[in-house]
PDB file of all heavy atoms in Angstrom:
ATOM      1  N   LEU A   1     -10.593   3.968  28.917  1.00  0.00           N
ATOM      2  CA  LEU A   1      -9.823   3.461  27.827  1.00  0.00           C
ATOM      3  C   LEU A   1     -10.301   2.138  27.201  1.00  0.00           C
ATOM      4  O   LEU A   1     -10.014   1.813  26.108  1.00  0.00           O
ATOM      5  CB  LEU A   1      -8.381   3.240  28.188  1.00  0.00           C
ATOM      6  CG  LEU A   1      -7.622   4.524  28.637  1.00  0.00           C
ATOM      7  CD1 LEU A   1      -6.212   4.130  29.112  1.00  0.00           C
ATOM      8  CD2 LEU A   1      -7.547   5.533  27.489  1.00  0.00           C
ATOM      9  N   GLU A   2     -11.166   1.491  27.878  1.00  0.00           N
ATOM     10  CA  GLU A   2     -11.686   0.103  27.463  1.00  0.00           C
ATOM     11  C   GLU A   2     -12.299   0.234  26.064  1.00  0.00           C
ATOM     12  O   GLU A   2     -13.054   1.144  25.823  1.00  0.00           O
ATOM     13  CB  GLU A   2     -12.641  -0.458  28.467  1.00  0.00           C
ATOM     14  CG  GLU A   2     -13.013  -1.815  28.180  1.00  0.00           C
ATOM     15  CD  GLU A   2     -11.814  -2.818  28.100  1.00  0.00           C
ATOM     16  OE1 GLU A   2     -11.021  -2.827  29.003  1.00  0.00           O
ATOM     17  OE2 GLU A   2     -11.713  -3.544  27.139  1.00  0.00           O
ATOM     18  N   GLY A   3     -11.861  -0.651  25.186  1.00  0.00           N
ATOM     19  CA  GLY A   3     -12.465  -0.537  23.837  1.00  0.00           C
ATOM     20  C   GLY A   3     -11.821   0.447  22.969  1.00  0.00           C
ATOM     21  O   GLY A   3     -12.264   0.813  21.868  1.00  0.00           O
ATOM     22  N   GLY A   4     -10.555   0.991  23.433  1.00  0.00           N
ATOM     23  CA  GLY A   4      -9.818   1.964  22.720  1.00  0.00           C
ATOM     24  C   GLY A   4      -9.475   1.341  21.328  1.00  0.00           C
ATOM     25  O   GLY A   4      -9.750   0.305  20.983  1.00  0.00           O
ATOM     26  N   GLN A   5      -8.735   2.055  20.584  1.00  0.00           N
ATOM     27  CA  GLN A   5      -8.478   1.757  19.124  1.00  0.00           C
ATOM     28  C   GLN A   5      -7.968   0.402  18.893  1.00  0.00           C
ATOM     29  O   GLN A   5      -6.999  -0.070  19.507  1.00  0.00           O
ATOM     30  CB  GLN A   5      -7.482   2.712  18.545  1.00  0.00           C
ATOM     31  CG  GLN A   5      -8.036   4.218  18.547  1.00  0.00           C
ATOM     32  CD  GLN A   5      -7.076   5.092  17.755  1.00  0.00           C
ATOM     33  OE1 GLN A   5      -6.653   4.814  16.687  1.00  0.00           O
ATOM     34  NE2 GLN A   5      -6.780   6.250  18.387  1.00  0.00           N
ATOM     35  N   ARG A   6      -8.725  -0.399  18.126  1.00  0.00           N
ATOM     36  CA  ARG A   6      -8.414  -1.732  17.768  1.00  0.00           C
ATOM     37  C   ARG A   6      -8.384  -1.814  16.139  1.00  0.00           C
ATOM     38  O   ARG A   6      -9.386  -1.441  15.587  1.00  0.00           O
ATOM     39  CB  ARG A   6      -9.253  -2.751  18.309  1.00  0.00           C
ATOM     40  CG  ARG A   6      -8.929  -4.237  17.919  1.00  0.00           C
ATOM     41  CD  ARG A   6     -10.042  -5.116  18.433  1.00  0.00           C
ATOM     42  NE  ARG A   6     -10.060  -5.203  19.932  1.00  0.00           N
ATOM     43  CZ  ARG A   6      -9.328  -5.986  20.586  1.00  0.00           C
ATOM     44  NH1 ARG A   6      -8.495  -6.796  20.015  1.00  0.00           N
ATOM     45  NH2 ARG A   6      -9.394  -6.008  21.920  1.00  0.00           N
ATOM     46  N   PRO A   7      -7.305  -2.211  15.528  1.00  0.00           N
ATOM     47  CA  PRO A   7      -7.375  -2.263  14.017  1.00  0.00           C
ATOM     48  C   PRO A   7      -8.522  -3.094  13.591  1.00  0.00           C
ATOM     49  O   PRO A   7      -8.813  -4.192  14.121  1.00  0.00           O
ATOM     50  CB  PRO A   7      -6.066  -2.915  13.677  1.00  0.00           C
ATOM     51  CG  PRO A   7      -5.118  -2.574  14.830  1.00  0.00           C
ATOM     52  CD  PRO A   7      -6.005  -2.591  15.982  1.00  0.00           C
ATOM     53  N   ALA A   8      -9.222  -2.641  12.614  1.00  0.00           N
ATOM     54  CA  ALA A   8     -10.397  -3.331  12.058  1.00  0.00           C
ATOM     55  C   ALA A   8      -9.890  -4.738  11.362  1.00  0.00           C
ATOM     56  O   ALA A   8      -8.823  -4.680  10.684  1.00  0.00           O
ATOM     57  CB  ALA A   8     -11.192  -2.563  11.059  1.00  0.00           C
ATOM     58  N   PRO A   9     -10.548  -5.823  11.480  1.00  0.00           N
ATOM     59  CA  PRO A   9     -10.205  -7.035  10.861  1.00  0.00           C
ATOM     60  C   PRO A   9     -10.397  -6.952   9.264  1.00  0.00           C
ATOM     61  O   PRO A   9     -11.348  -6.283   8.822  1.00  0.00           O
ATOM     62  CB  PRO A   9     -11.096  -8.089  11.465  1.00  0.00           C
ATOM     63  CG  PRO A   9     -12.291  -7.269  11.906  1.00  0.00           C
ATOM     64  CD  PRO A   9     -11.814  -5.966  12.290  1.00  0.00           C
ATOM     65  N   VAL A  10      -9.498  -7.544   8.508  1.00  0.00           N
ATOM     66  CA  VAL A  10      -9.691  -7.584   7.066  1.00  0.00           C
ATOM     67  C   VAL A  10      -9.282  -8.966   6.655  1.00  0.00           C
ATOM     68  O   VAL A  10      -8.761  -9.761   7.343  1.00  0.00           O
ATOM     69  CB  VAL A  10      -8.733  -6.553   6.457  1.00  0.00           C
ATOM     70  CG1 VAL A  10      -9.053  -5.174   6.848  1.00  0.00           C
ATOM     71  CG2 VAL A  10      -7.245  -6.901   6.746  1.00  0.00           C
ATOM     72  N   ASP A  11      -9.728  -9.281   5.457  1.00  0.00           N
ATOM     73  CA  ASP A  11      -9.318 -10.606   4.843  1.00  0.00           C
ATOM     74  C   ASP A  11      -7.851 -10.625   4.634  1.00  0.00           C
ATOM     75  O   ASP A  11      -7.294  -9.736   3.914  1.00  0.00           O
ATOM     76  CB  ASP A  11     -10.113 -10.792   3.523  1.00  0.00           C
ATOM     77  CG  ASP A  11      -9.739 -12.022   2.819  1.00  0.00           C
ATOM     78  OD1 ASP A  11     -10.343 -13.044   3.203  1.00  0.00           O
ATOM     79  OD2 ASP A  11      -8.841 -12.038   1.960  1.00  0.00           O
ATOM     80  N   ALA A  12      -7.213 -11.614   5.168  1.00  0.00           N
ATOM     81  CA  ALA A  12      -5.708 -11.630   5.165  1.00  0.00           C
ATOM     82  C   ALA A  12      -5.190 -11.751   3.706  1.00  0.00           C
ATOM     83  O   ALA A  12      -4.157 -11.164   3.341  1.00  0.00           O
ATOM     84  CB  ALA A  12      -5.199 -12.829   6.065  1.00  0.00           C
ATOM     85  N   ALA A  13      -5.782 -12.597   2.899  1.00  0.00           N
ATOM     86  CA  ALA A  13      -5.298 -12.798   1.535  1.00  0.00           C
ATOM     87  C   ALA A  13      -5.510 -11.542   0.705  1.00  0.00           C
ATOM     88  O   ALA A  13      -4.622 -11.139  -0.098  1.00  0.00           O
ATOM     89  CB  ALA A  13      -6.108 -13.945   0.881  1.00  0.00           C
ATOM     90  N   GLN A  14      -6.655 -10.796   0.857  1.00  0.00           N
ATOM     91  CA  GLN A  14      -6.876  -9.601   0.187  1.00  0.00           C
ATOM     92  C   GLN A  14      -5.741  -8.516   0.602  1.00  0.00           C
ATOM     93  O   GLN A  14      -5.242  -7.804  -0.257  1.00  0.00           O
ATOM     94  CB  GLN A  14      -8.232  -9.101   0.492  1.00  0.00           C
ATOM     95  CG  GLN A  14      -8.598  -7.758  -0.239  1.00  0.00           C
ATOM     96  CD  GLN A  14      -9.914  -7.161   0.190  1.00  0.00           C
ATOM     97  OE1 GLN A  14     -10.524  -7.624   1.229  1.00  0.00           O
ATOM     98  NE2 GLN A  14     -10.412  -6.154  -0.517  1.00  0.00           N
ATOM     99  N   ALA A  15      -5.501  -8.449   1.910  1.00  0.00           N
ATOM    100  CA  ALA A  15      -4.532  -7.505   2.402  1.00  0.00           C
ATOM    101  C   ALA A  15      -3.176  -7.806   1.856  1.00  0.00           C
ATOM    102  O   ALA A  15      -2.347  -6.944   1.506  1.00  0.00           O
ATOM    103  CB  ALA A  15      -4.510  -7.455   3.917  1.00  0.00           C
ATOM    104  N   ALA A  16      -2.780  -9.148   1.774  1.00  0.00           N
ATOM    105  CA  ALA A  16      -1.493  -9.567   1.242  1.00  0.00           C
ATOM    106  C   ALA A  16      -1.319  -9.133  -0.186  1.00  0.00           C
ATOM    107  O   ALA A  16      -0.268  -8.643  -0.620  1.00  0.00           O
ATOM    108  CB  ALA A  16      -1.291 -11.021   1.472  1.00  0.00           C
ATOM    109  N   ARG A  17      -2.386  -9.344  -0.978  1.00  0.00           N
ATOM    110  CA  ARG A  17      -2.416  -8.925  -2.361  1.00  0.00           C
ATOM    111  C   ARG A  17      -2.157  -7.452  -2.523  1.00  0.00           C
ATOM    112  O   ARG A  17      -1.338  -6.958  -3.369  1.00  0.00           O
ATOM    113  CB  ARG A  17      -3.687  -9.378  -3.067  1.00  0.00           C
ATOM    114  CG  ARG A  17      -3.703 -10.888  -3.324  1.00  0.00           C
ATOM    115  CD  ARG A  17      -4.841 -11.199  -4.292  1.00  0.00           C
ATOM    116  NE  ARG A  17      -6.140 -10.852  -3.781  1.00  0.00           N
ATOM    117  CZ  ARG A  17      -6.897 -11.707  -3.059  1.00  0.00           C
ATOM    118  NH1 ARG A  17      -6.405 -12.914  -2.716  1.00  0.00           N
ATOM    119  NH2 ARG A  17      -8.070 -11.286  -2.568  1.00  0.00           N
ATOM    120  N   ALA A  18      -2.878  -6.695  -1.677  1.00  0.00           N
ATOM    121  CA  ALA A  18      -2.748  -5.223  -1.762  1.00  0.00           C
ATOM    122  C   ALA A  18      -1.363  -4.769  -1.367  1.00  0.00           C
ATOM    123  O   ALA A  18      -0.782  -3.864  -2.072  1.00  0.00           O
ATOM    124  CB  ALA A  18      -3.787  -4.588  -0.779  1.00  0.00           C
ATOM    125  N   LEU A  19      -0.755  -5.389  -0.347  1.00  0.00           N
ATOM    126  CA  LEU A  19       0.583  -5.047   0.060  1.00  0.00           C
ATOM    127  C   LEU A  19       1.581  -5.324  -1.037  1.00  0.00           C
ATOM    128  O   LEU A  19       2.528  -4.593  -1.265  1.00  0.00           O
ATOM    129  CB  LEU A  19       0.953  -5.730   1.365  1.00  0.00           C
ATOM    130  CG  LEU A  19       2.342  -5.516   1.910  1.00  0.00           C
ATOM    131  CD1 LEU A  19       2.532  -3.978   2.146  1.00  0.00           C
ATOM    132  CD2 LEU A  19       2.574  -6.242   3.230  1.00  0.00           C
ATOM    133  N   HIS A  20       1.370  -6.408  -1.678  1.00  0.00           N
ATOM    134  CA  HIS A  20       2.284  -6.813  -2.843  1.00  0.00           C
ATOM    135  C   HIS A  20       2.271  -5.809  -3.911  1.00  0.00           C
ATOM    136  O   HIS A  20       3.271  -5.340  -4.462  1.00  0.00           O
ATOM    137  CB  HIS A  20       1.925  -8.140  -3.328  1.00  0.00           C
ATOM    138  CG  HIS A  20       2.745  -8.545  -4.579  1.00  0.00           C
ATOM    139  ND1 HIS A  20       4.036  -9.026  -4.468  1.00  0.00           N
ATOM    140  CD2 HIS A  20       2.394  -8.548  -5.876  1.00  0.00           C
ATOM    141  CE1 HIS A  20       4.467  -9.287  -5.697  1.00  0.00           C
ATOM    142  NE2 HIS A  20       3.525  -8.995  -6.557  1.00  0.00           N
ATOM    143  N   GLU A  21       1.090  -5.299  -4.207  1.00  0.00           N
ATOM    144  CA  GLU A  21       0.892  -4.284  -5.241  1.00  0.00           C
ATOM    145  C   GLU A  21       1.533  -3.022  -4.820  1.00  0.00           C
ATOM    146  O   GLU A  21       2.150  -2.291  -5.652  1.00  0.00           O
ATOM    147  CB  GLU A  21      -0.604  -4.112  -5.663  1.00  0.00           C
ATOM    148  CG  GLU A  21      -0.819  -3.202  -6.764  1.00  0.00           C
ATOM    149  CD  GLU A  21      -2.211  -3.064  -7.275  1.00  0.00           C
ATOM    150  OE1 GLU A  21      -3.044  -3.882  -6.802  1.00  0.00           O
ATOM    151  OE2 GLU A  21      -2.455  -2.291  -8.165  1.00  0.00           O
ATOM    152  N   VAL A  22       1.308  -2.602  -3.519  1.00  0.00           N
ATOM    153  CA  VAL A  22       1.878  -1.405  -3.067  1.00  0.00           C
ATOM    154  C   VAL A  22       3.504  -1.430  -3.158  1.00  0.00           C
ATOM    155  O   VAL A  22       4.088  -0.520  -3.636  1.00  0.00           O
ATOM    156  CB  VAL A  22       1.483  -1.181  -1.540  1.00  0.00           C
ATOM    157  CG1 VAL A  22       2.395  -0.050  -0.906  1.00  0.00           C
ATOM    158  CG2 VAL A  22       0.074  -0.768  -1.398  1.00  0.00           C
ATOM    159  N   ARG A  23       4.042  -2.494  -2.773  1.00  0.00           N
ATOM    160  CA  ARG A  23       5.477  -2.667  -2.843  1.00  0.00           C
ATOM    161  C   ARG A  23       6.056  -2.564  -4.265  1.00  0.00           C
ATOM    162  O   ARG A  23       7.030  -1.908  -4.532  1.00  0.00           O
ATOM    163  CB  ARG A  23       5.910  -4.025  -2.220  1.00  0.00           C
ATOM    164  CG  ARG A  23       5.839  -4.036  -0.720  1.00  0.00           C
ATOM    165  CD  ARG A  23       6.021  -5.337  -0.201  1.00  0.00           C
ATOM    166  NE  ARG A  23       6.396  -5.374   1.270  1.00  0.00           N
ATOM    167  CZ  ARG A  23       6.146  -6.360   2.123  1.00  0.00           C
ATOM    168  NH1 ARG A  23       5.652  -7.537   1.677  1.00  0.00           N
ATOM    169  NH2 ARG A  23       6.509  -6.303   3.367  1.00  0.00           N
ATOM    170  N   GLU A  24       5.362  -3.234  -5.227  1.00  0.00           N
ATOM    171  CA  GLU A  24       5.710  -3.192  -6.633  1.00  0.00           C
ATOM    172  C   GLU A  24       5.592  -1.714  -7.129  1.00  0.00           C
ATOM    173  O   GLU A  24       6.461  -1.290  -7.932  1.00  0.00           O
ATOM    174  CB  GLU A  24       4.931  -4.154  -7.429  1.00  0.00           C
ATOM    175  CG  GLU A  24       5.146  -5.587  -7.120  1.00  0.00           C
ATOM    176  CD  GLU A  24       6.631  -6.029  -7.426  1.00  0.00           C
ATOM    177  OE1 GLU A  24       7.261  -5.421  -8.328  1.00  0.00           O
ATOM    178  OE2 GLU A  24       7.131  -7.052  -6.749  1.00  0.00           O
ATOM    179  N   LEU A  25       4.525  -1.040  -6.877  1.00  0.00           N
ATOM    180  CA  LEU A  25       4.338   0.285  -7.348  1.00  0.00           C
ATOM    181  C   LEU A  25       5.289   1.213  -6.680  1.00  0.00           C
ATOM    182  O   LEU A  25       5.830   2.146  -7.365  1.00  0.00           O
ATOM    183  CB  LEU A  25       2.946   0.787  -7.057  1.00  0.00           C
ATOM    184  CG  LEU A  25       1.811   0.230  -7.953  1.00  0.00           C
ATOM    185  CD1 LEU A  25       0.428   0.521  -7.439  1.00  0.00           C
ATOM    186  CD2 LEU A  25       1.955   0.745  -9.397  1.00  0.00           C
ATOM    187  N   MET A  26       5.617   1.147  -5.442  1.00  0.00           N
ATOM    188  CA  MET A  26       6.645   1.973  -4.762  1.00  0.00           C
ATOM    189  C   MET A  26       7.958   1.810  -5.448  1.00  0.00           C
ATOM    190  O   MET A  26       8.679   2.688  -5.674  1.00  0.00           O
ATOM    191  CB  MET A  26       6.650   1.705  -3.300  1.00  0.00           C
ATOM    192  CG  MET A  26       5.473   2.173  -2.511  1.00  0.00           C
ATOM    193  SD  MET A  26       5.267   3.893  -2.411  1.00  0.00           S
ATOM    194  CE  MET A  26       6.594   4.311  -1.311  1.00  0.00           C
ATOM    195  N   TRP A  27       8.304   0.546  -5.678  1.00  0.00           N
ATOM    196  CA  TRP A  27       9.650   0.276  -6.297  1.00  0.00           C
ATOM    197  C   TRP A  27       9.659   0.800  -7.756  1.00  0.00           C
ATOM    198  O   TRP A  27      10.733   1.527  -8.094  1.00  0.00           O
ATOM    199  CB  TRP A  27       9.929  -1.260  -6.411  1.00  0.00           C
ATOM    200  CG  TRP A  27      11.199  -1.578  -7.083  1.00  0.00           C
ATOM    201  CD1 TRP A  27      11.345  -2.172  -8.183  1.00  0.00           C
ATOM    202  CD2 TRP A  27      12.532  -1.253  -6.531  1.00  0.00           C
ATOM    203  NE1 TRP A  27      12.732  -2.344  -8.514  1.00  0.00           N
ATOM    204  CE2 TRP A  27      13.419  -1.750  -7.557  1.00  0.00           C
ATOM    205  CE3 TRP A  27      12.902  -0.620  -5.388  1.00  0.00           C
ATOM    206  CZ2 TRP A  27      14.794  -1.588  -7.301  1.00  0.00           C
ATOM    207  CZ3 TRP A  27      14.333  -0.511  -5.252  1.00  0.00           C
ATOM    208  CH2 TRP A  27      15.233  -0.947  -6.193  1.00  0.00           C
ATOM    209  N   SER A  28       8.696   0.676  -8.549  1.00  0.00           N
ATOM    210  CA  SER A  28       8.765   1.063  -9.871  1.00  0.00           C
ATOM    211  C   SER A  28       8.492   2.552 -10.110  1.00  0.00           C
ATOM    212  O   SER A  28       9.079   3.110 -11.081  1.00  0.00           O
ATOM    213  CB  SER A  28       7.736   0.308 -10.761  1.00  0.00           C
ATOM    214  OG  SER A  28       6.442   0.500 -10.355  1.00  0.00           O
ATOM    215  N   THR A  29       7.736   3.218  -9.236  1.00  0.00           N
ATOM    216  CA  THR A  29       7.398   4.623  -9.538  1.00  0.00           C
ATOM    217  C   THR A  29       7.826   5.646  -8.427  1.00  0.00           C
ATOM    218  O   THR A  29       7.912   6.784  -8.689  1.00  0.00           O
ATOM    219  CB  THR A  29       5.886   4.749  -9.710  1.00  0.00           C
ATOM    220  OG1 THR A  29       5.277   4.505  -8.517  1.00  0.00           O
ATOM    221  CG2 THR A  29       5.319   3.829 -10.810  1.00  0.00           C
ATOM    222  N   VAL A  30       8.075   5.166  -7.195  1.00  0.00           N
ATOM    223  CA  VAL A  30       8.548   6.007  -6.137  1.00  0.00           C
ATOM    224  C   VAL A  30       9.872   5.539  -5.715  1.00  0.00           C
ATOM    225  O   VAL A  30      10.343   5.664  -4.517  1.00  0.00           O
ATOM    226  CB  VAL A  30       7.566   6.038  -4.985  1.00  0.00           C
ATOM    227  CG1 VAL A  30       7.809   7.286  -4.086  1.00  0.00           C
ATOM    228  CG2 VAL A  30       6.120   6.036  -5.448  1.00  0.00           C
ATOM    229  N   GLY A  31      10.638   5.039  -6.669  1.00  0.00           N
ATOM    230  CA  GLY A  31      11.993   4.370  -6.326  1.00  0.00           C
ATOM    231  C   GLY A  31      13.112   5.245  -6.696  1.00  0.00           C
ATOM    232  O   GLY A  31      13.115   6.437  -6.506  1.00  0.00           O
ATOM    233  N   VAL A  32      14.037   4.649  -7.334  1.00  0.00           N
ATOM    234  CA  VAL A  32      15.362   5.369  -7.645  1.00  0.00           C
ATOM    235  C   VAL A  32      15.156   6.509  -8.594  1.00  0.00           C
ATOM    236  O   VAL A  32      15.676   7.560  -8.503  1.00  0.00           O
ATOM    237  CB  VAL A  32      16.375   4.369  -8.169  1.00  0.00           C
ATOM    238  CG1 VAL A  32      17.681   5.095  -8.575  1.00  0.00           C
ATOM    239  CG2 VAL A  32      16.687   3.330  -7.117  1.00  0.00           C
ATOM    240  N   VAL A  33      14.287   6.320  -9.658  1.00  0.00           N
ATOM    241  CA  VAL A  33      13.972   7.314 -10.562  1.00  0.00           C
ATOM    242  C   VAL A  33      12.436   7.491 -10.670  1.00  0.00           C
ATOM    243  O   VAL A  33      11.736   6.477 -10.686  1.00  0.00           O
ATOM    244  CB  VAL A  33      14.498   6.901 -12.003  1.00  0.00           C
ATOM    245  CG1 VAL A  33      14.052   7.914 -13.064  1.00  0.00           C
ATOM    246  CG2 VAL A  33      16.012   6.725 -12.006  1.00  0.00           C
ATOM    247  N   ARG A  34      11.951   8.767 -10.685  1.00  0.00           N
ATOM    248  CA  ARG A  34      10.585   9.085 -10.527  1.00  0.00           C
ATOM    249  C   ARG A  34      10.123  10.071 -11.665  1.00  0.00           C
ATOM    250  O   ARG A  34      10.925  10.828 -12.183  1.00  0.00           O
ATOM    251  CB  ARG A  34      10.233   9.708  -9.157  1.00  0.00           C
ATOM    252  CG  ARG A  34      10.697   8.830  -8.038  1.00  0.00           C
ATOM    253  CD  ARG A  34      10.852   9.577  -6.720  1.00  0.00           C
ATOM    254  NE  ARG A  34      11.276   8.732  -5.626  1.00  0.00           N
ATOM    255  CZ  ARG A  34      11.382   9.052  -4.383  1.00  0.00           C
ATOM    256  NH1 ARG A  34      11.214  10.380  -4.047  1.00  0.00           N
ATOM    257  NH2 ARG A  34      11.762   8.270  -3.404  1.00  0.00           N
ATOM    258  N   ASN A  35       8.835  10.101 -11.973  1.00  0.00           N
ATOM    259  CA  ASN A  35       8.299  11.140 -12.893  1.00  0.00           C
ATOM    260  C   ASN A  35       6.914  11.361 -12.645  1.00  0.00           C
ATOM    261  O   ASN A  35       6.259  10.532 -12.014  1.00  0.00           O
ATOM    262  CB  ASN A  35       8.520  10.732 -14.342  1.00  0.00           C
ATOM    263  CG  ASN A  35       7.774   9.500 -14.790  1.00  0.00           C
ATOM    264  OD1 ASN A  35       6.581   9.580 -14.939  1.00  0.00           O
ATOM    265  ND2 ASN A  35       8.487   8.388 -14.952  1.00  0.00           N
ATOM    266  N   ALA A  36       6.321  12.488 -13.035  1.00  0.00           N
ATOM    267  CA  ALA A  36       5.016  12.992 -12.677  1.00  0.00           C
ATOM    268  C   ALA A  36       3.992  11.997 -13.220  1.00  0.00           C
ATOM    269  O   ALA A  36       3.017  11.572 -12.420  1.00  0.00           O
ATOM    270  CB  ALA A  36       4.680  14.343 -13.194  1.00  0.00           C
ATOM    271  N   ALA A  37       4.056  11.485 -14.414  1.00  0.00           N
ATOM    272  CA  ALA A  37       2.946  10.632 -15.004  1.00  0.00           C
ATOM    273  C   ALA A  37       2.862   9.326 -14.142  1.00  0.00           C
ATOM    274  O   ALA A  37       1.724   8.893 -13.832  1.00  0.00           O
ATOM    275  CB  ALA A  37       3.320  10.276 -16.462  1.00  0.00           C
ATOM    276  N   ASP A  38       4.007   8.663 -13.853  1.00  0.00           N
ATOM    277  CA  ASP A  38       3.905   7.455 -13.100  1.00  0.00           C
ATOM    278  C   ASP A  38       3.404   7.737 -11.678  1.00  0.00           C
ATOM    279  O   ASP A  38       2.606   6.967 -11.167  1.00  0.00           O
ATOM    280  CB  ASP A  38       5.348   6.855 -12.964  1.00  0.00           C
ATOM    281  CG  ASP A  38       5.792   6.197 -14.317  1.00  0.00           C
ATOM    282  OD1 ASP A  38       4.950   6.061 -15.157  1.00  0.00           O
ATOM    283  OD2 ASP A  38       6.944   5.962 -14.379  1.00  0.00           O
ATOM    284  N   LEU A  39       3.844   8.803 -11.082  1.00  0.00           N
ATOM    285  CA  LEU A  39       3.450   9.155  -9.669  1.00  0.00           C
ATOM    286  C   LEU A  39       1.900   9.416  -9.675  1.00  0.00           C
ATOM    287  O   LEU A  39       1.207   8.964  -8.748  1.00  0.00           O
ATOM    288  CB  LEU A  39       4.194  10.317  -9.132  1.00  0.00           C
ATOM    289  CG  LEU A  39       5.658  10.082  -8.894  1.00  0.00           C
ATOM    290  CD1 LEU A  39       6.396  11.366  -8.606  1.00  0.00           C
ATOM    291  CD2 LEU A  39       5.820   9.163  -7.607  1.00  0.00           C
ATOM    292  N   GLU A  40       1.368  10.102 -10.662  1.00  0.00           N
ATOM    293  CA  GLU A  40      -0.048  10.385 -10.628  1.00  0.00           C
ATOM    294  C   GLU A  40      -0.872   9.113 -10.808  1.00  0.00           C
ATOM    295  O   GLU A  40      -1.905   8.919 -10.164  1.00  0.00           O
ATOM    296  CB  GLU A  40      -0.365  11.368 -11.775  1.00  0.00           C
ATOM    297  CG  GLU A  40       0.126  12.787 -11.495  1.00  0.00           C
ATOM    298  CD  GLU A  40       0.030  13.641 -12.707  1.00  0.00           C
ATOM    299  OE1 GLU A  40      -0.217  13.152 -13.859  1.00  0.00           O
ATOM    300  OE2 GLU A  40       0.236  14.864 -12.667  1.00  0.00           O
ATOM    301  N   GLN A  41      -0.460   8.248 -11.693  1.00  0.00           N
ATOM    302  CA  GLN A  41      -1.106   6.935 -11.803  1.00  0.00           C
ATOM    303  C   GLN A  41      -1.042   6.043 -10.559  1.00  0.00           C
ATOM    304  O   GLN A  41      -2.089   5.522 -10.208  1.00  0.00           O
ATOM    305  CB  GLN A  41      -0.530   6.139 -13.008  1.00  0.00           C
ATOM    306  CG  GLN A  41      -0.843   6.702 -14.368  1.00  0.00           C
ATOM    307  CD  GLN A  41      -0.139   5.944 -15.474  1.00  0.00           C
ATOM    308  OE1 GLN A  41       0.376   4.871 -15.285  1.00  0.00           O
ATOM    309  NE2 GLN A  41      -0.263   6.430 -16.682  1.00  0.00           N
ATOM    310  N   THR A  42       0.109   6.157  -9.875  1.00  0.00           N
ATOM    311  CA  THR A  42       0.200   5.401  -8.640  1.00  0.00           C
ATOM    312  C   THR A  42      -0.690   5.890  -7.541  1.00  0.00           C
ATOM    313  O   THR A  42      -1.341   5.186  -6.823  1.00  0.00           O
ATOM    314  CB  THR A  42       1.751   5.402  -8.155  1.00  0.00           C
ATOM    315  OG1 THR A  42       2.490   4.649  -9.077  1.00  0.00           O
ATOM    316  CG2 THR A  42       1.845   4.883  -6.786  1.00  0.00           C
TER     317      THR A  42
END
């Protein structure tokens, strides 16, 4: 088991920006009301 799966390191600021964008897209397009055009773009 030694050396088993370890998450790869990433730039923390870059990951934070990506997570913010994911959250905003999920809220606006995969939220209370959805449609095909928005989902495809997301």
